[in-house]
Amino acid sequence: MATKHAALHALIEPVVAAMGFELWGIDHLSQGKHSRLVIYIERDSGVNVEDCADISRQVSAILDVEDPIPGEYRLEVSSPGMARPLYTLDHFSRFQGHHVALKLRAPFDGRRKFQGLLAGVEGDEILLQIDGEEYCFPVEGIDSAHIVPQFDD
């Protein structure tokens, strides 16, 4: 599965970069006979609907030629948004001090879901503060993670 993800990233990233955006991440979600390919793009000046449509057209053309996903799928292009998913150590480093929710691939202390303050990154481990305790999770053991938006009252 990681190889398929790397191949999709290698196809899509140059197109996104050439259009002046950062490829934030890719989610390929299987849904029975159909699947969904979600591409998250980022740019300092922001992302609007037209940007998503432009990138969707360009990426769709490449995917039609290369055909890396068997069967039918729906392509979605989006900004990562406020509850942005975190994929890489760099993402975790950039959002240190934010609240995050993560789901582990295998249970730790009998559970897979954790939520707390992202305290930092040490080597290949994510440091998460939960109720005054610090937990270390290897990044390869994280199935998914995203920012939990905080709103002041």
Protein backbone atom coordinates (compact mmCIF):
# COMPACT_ATOMS: atom_id res chain seq x y z
CA MET A 1 0.00 0.00 0.00
CA ALA A 2 2.84 2.41 0.81
CA THR A 3 4.28 1.77 -2.65
CA LYS A 4 0.98 2.72 -4.32
CA HIS A 5 0.83 5.88 -2.21
CA ALA A 6 4.43 6.76 -3.16
CA ALA A 7 3.64 6.19 -6.85
CA LEU A 8 0.57 8.47 -6.65
CA HIS A 9 2.61 11.12 -4.85
CA ALA A 10 5.35 10.92 -7.51
CA LEU A 11 2.77 11.43 -10.28
CA ILE A 12 0.81 14.23 -8.63
CA GLU A 13 3.44 16.29 -6.79
CA PRO A 14 5.22 17.70 -9.88
CA VAL A 15 1.89 18.86 -11.36
CA VAL A 16 0.83 20.56 -8.13
CA ALA A 17 4.27 22.16 -7.64
CA ALA A 18 4.37 23.44 -11.25
CA MET A 19 1.11 25.24 -10.56
CA GLY A 20 2.59 27.00 -7.51
CA PHE A 21 1.13 24.87 -4.73
CA GLU A 22 2.44 22.49 -2.09
CA LEU A 23 1.06 18.97 -2.19
CA TRP A 24 0.01 18.69 1.45
CA GLY A 25 -1.10 15.07 1.22
CA ILE A 26 -3.07 12.37 -0.53
CA ASP A 27 -5.77 10.03 0.79
CA HIS A 28 -6.87 7.08 -1.32
CA LEU A 29 -10.00 5.66 0.27
CA SER A 30 -11.47 2.41 -1.01
CA GLN A 31 -15.25 2.24 -0.88
CA GLY A 32 -16.35 -1.10 -2.28
CA LYS A 33 -16.14 -1.12 -6.07
CA HIS A 34 -15.48 2.59 -6.06
CA SER A 35 -12.80 4.61 -4.39
CA ARG A 36 -12.05 8.23 -3.66
CA LEU A 37 -8.76 10.01 -4.23
CA VAL A 38 -8.47 13.18 -2.15
CA ILE A 39 -5.61 15.57 -2.89
CA TYR A 40 -4.86 18.32 -0.37
CA ILE A 41 -3.09 21.41 -1.69
CA GLU A 42 -1.62 24.36 0.19
CA ARG A 43 -0.24 27.80 -0.65
CA ASP A 44 0.78 30.70 1.60
CA SER A 45 -1.73 33.01 -0.08
CA GLY A 46 -4.51 30.46 0.38
CA VAL A 47 -6.51 28.10 -1.81
CA ASN A 48 -9.81 28.90 -3.51
CA VAL A 49 -12.35 26.88 -5.47
CA GLU A 50 -10.87 27.87 -8.84
CA ASP A 51 -7.44 26.66 -7.70
CA CYS A 52 -8.93 23.28 -6.77
CA ALA A 53 -10.73 23.05 -10.12
CA ASP A 54 -7.57 23.94 -12.08
CA ILE A 55 -5.48 21.35 -10.25
CA SER A 56 -8.24 18.77 -10.56
CA ARG A 57 -8.24 19.17 -14.36
CA GLN A 58 -4.44 18.91 -14.61
CA VAL A 59 -4.12 15.95 -12.24
CA SER A 60 -7.07 14.19 -13.87
CA ALA A 61 -5.33 14.38 -17.25
CA ILE A 62 -2.17 12.79 -15.82
CA LEU A 63 -4.15 10.09 -14.01
CA ASP A 64 -6.10 9.30 -17.18
CA VAL A 65 -2.84 8.72 -19.07
CA GLU A 66 -0.95 6.85 -16.33
CA ASP A 67 -4.01 4.98 -14.96
CA PRO A 68 -2.50 4.19 -11.51
CA ILE A 69 -5.84 3.38 -9.84
CA PRO A 70 -7.79 0.36 -11.07
CA GLY A 71 -11.54 0.71 -11.40
CA GLU A 72 -13.66 3.76 -10.87
CA TYR A 73 -12.76 6.49 -8.45
CA ARG A 74 -13.79 10.03 -7.63
CA LEU A 75 -11.10 12.72 -7.59
CA GLU A 76 -11.40 15.51 -5.03
CA VAL A 77 -9.00 18.43 -4.62
CA SER A 78 -9.18 20.47 -1.44
CA SER A 79 -7.38 22.74 0.96
CA PRO A 80 -6.34 20.89 4.13
CA GLY A 81 -8.59 23.28 6.08
CA MET A 82 -8.63 24.00 9.79
CA ALA A 83 -8.85 20.33 10.80
CA ARG A 84 -5.97 19.56 8.45
CA PRO A 85 -4.61 16.04 8.30
CA LEU A 86 -0.96 15.59 9.28
CA TYR A 87 1.11 13.16 7.24
CA THR A 88 4.83 13.86 7.72
CA LEU A 89 7.26 14.66 10.50
CA ASP A 90 7.53 18.14 8.96
CA HIS A 91 3.76 18.60 9.31
CA PHE A 92 3.93 17.63 12.98
CA SER A 93 6.87 20.00 13.54
CA ARG A 94 5.06 22.88 11.85
CA PHE A 95 2.01 22.45 14.06
CA GLN A 96 3.73 22.02 17.41
CA GLY A 97 1.61 23.65 20.11
CA HIS A 98 -1.68 22.77 18.42
CA HIS A 99 -4.21 20.21 19.62
CA VAL A 100 -4.23 17.05 17.53
CA ALA A 101 -6.18 13.82 17.36
CA LEU A 102 -4.47 10.68 16.20
CA LYS A 103 -5.39 7.11 15.53
CA LEU A 104 -2.74 4.44 15.93
CA ARG A 105 -2.31 1.41 13.70
CA ALA A 106 -2.09 -0.83 16.79
CA PRO A 107 -3.45 -0.25 20.31
CA PHE A 108 -1.30 1.37 23.00
CA ASP A 109 -2.50 0.96 26.60
CA GLY A 110 -5.62 -0.71 25.19
CA ARG A 111 -6.67 2.12 22.89
CA ARG A 112 -5.93 3.44 19.42
CA LYS A 113 -7.33 6.99 19.59
CA PHE A 114 -5.56 9.81 21.41
CA GLN A 115 -6.09 13.55 21.57
CA GLY A 116 -3.86 16.16 23.16
CA LEU A 117 -1.37 18.97 22.71
CA LEU A 118 1.34 18.36 20.12
CA ALA A 119 4.45 18.94 22.25
CA GLY A 120 6.97 18.34 19.48
CA VAL A 121 8.92 15.85 17.43
CA GLU A 122 11.98 13.92 18.59
CA GLY A 123 13.64 11.85 15.92
CA ASP A 124 10.84 9.88 14.32
CA GLU A 125 8.50 10.15 17.32
CA ILE A 126 5.59 12.48 17.95
CA LEU A 127 5.31 13.87 21.49
CA LEU A 128 1.76 14.34 22.70
CA GLN A 129 0.73 15.84 26.05
CA ILE A 130 -2.49 14.42 27.46
CA ASP A 131 -3.75 15.43 30.91
CA GLY A 132 -0.26 16.42 32.10
CA GLU A 133 1.42 13.26 30.83
CA GLU A 134 3.64 13.05 27.76
CA TYR A 135 3.32 10.19 25.29
CA CYS A 136 5.72 9.29 22.48
CA PHE A 137 4.31 7.70 19.35
CA PRO A 138 6.51 6.55 16.44
CA VAL A 139 5.25 8.29 13.30
CA GLU A 140 5.13 4.96 11.40
CA GLY A 141 2.67 3.68 14.03
CA ILE A 142 0.20 6.51 13.35
CA ASP A 143 -2.64 5.56 11.02
CA SER A 144 -4.10 9.07 10.81
CA ALA A 145 -3.74 12.42 12.53
CA HIS A 146 -5.37 15.81 12.22
CA ILE A 147 -5.47 19.21 13.88
CA VAL A 148 -8.34 19.76 16.32
CA PRO A 149 -9.38 23.41 15.87
CA GLN A 150 -9.60 25.39 19.10
CA PHE A 151 -11.98 28.33 19.36
CA ASP A 152 -11.82 30.99 22.04
CA ASP A 153 -15.12 31.73 23.75
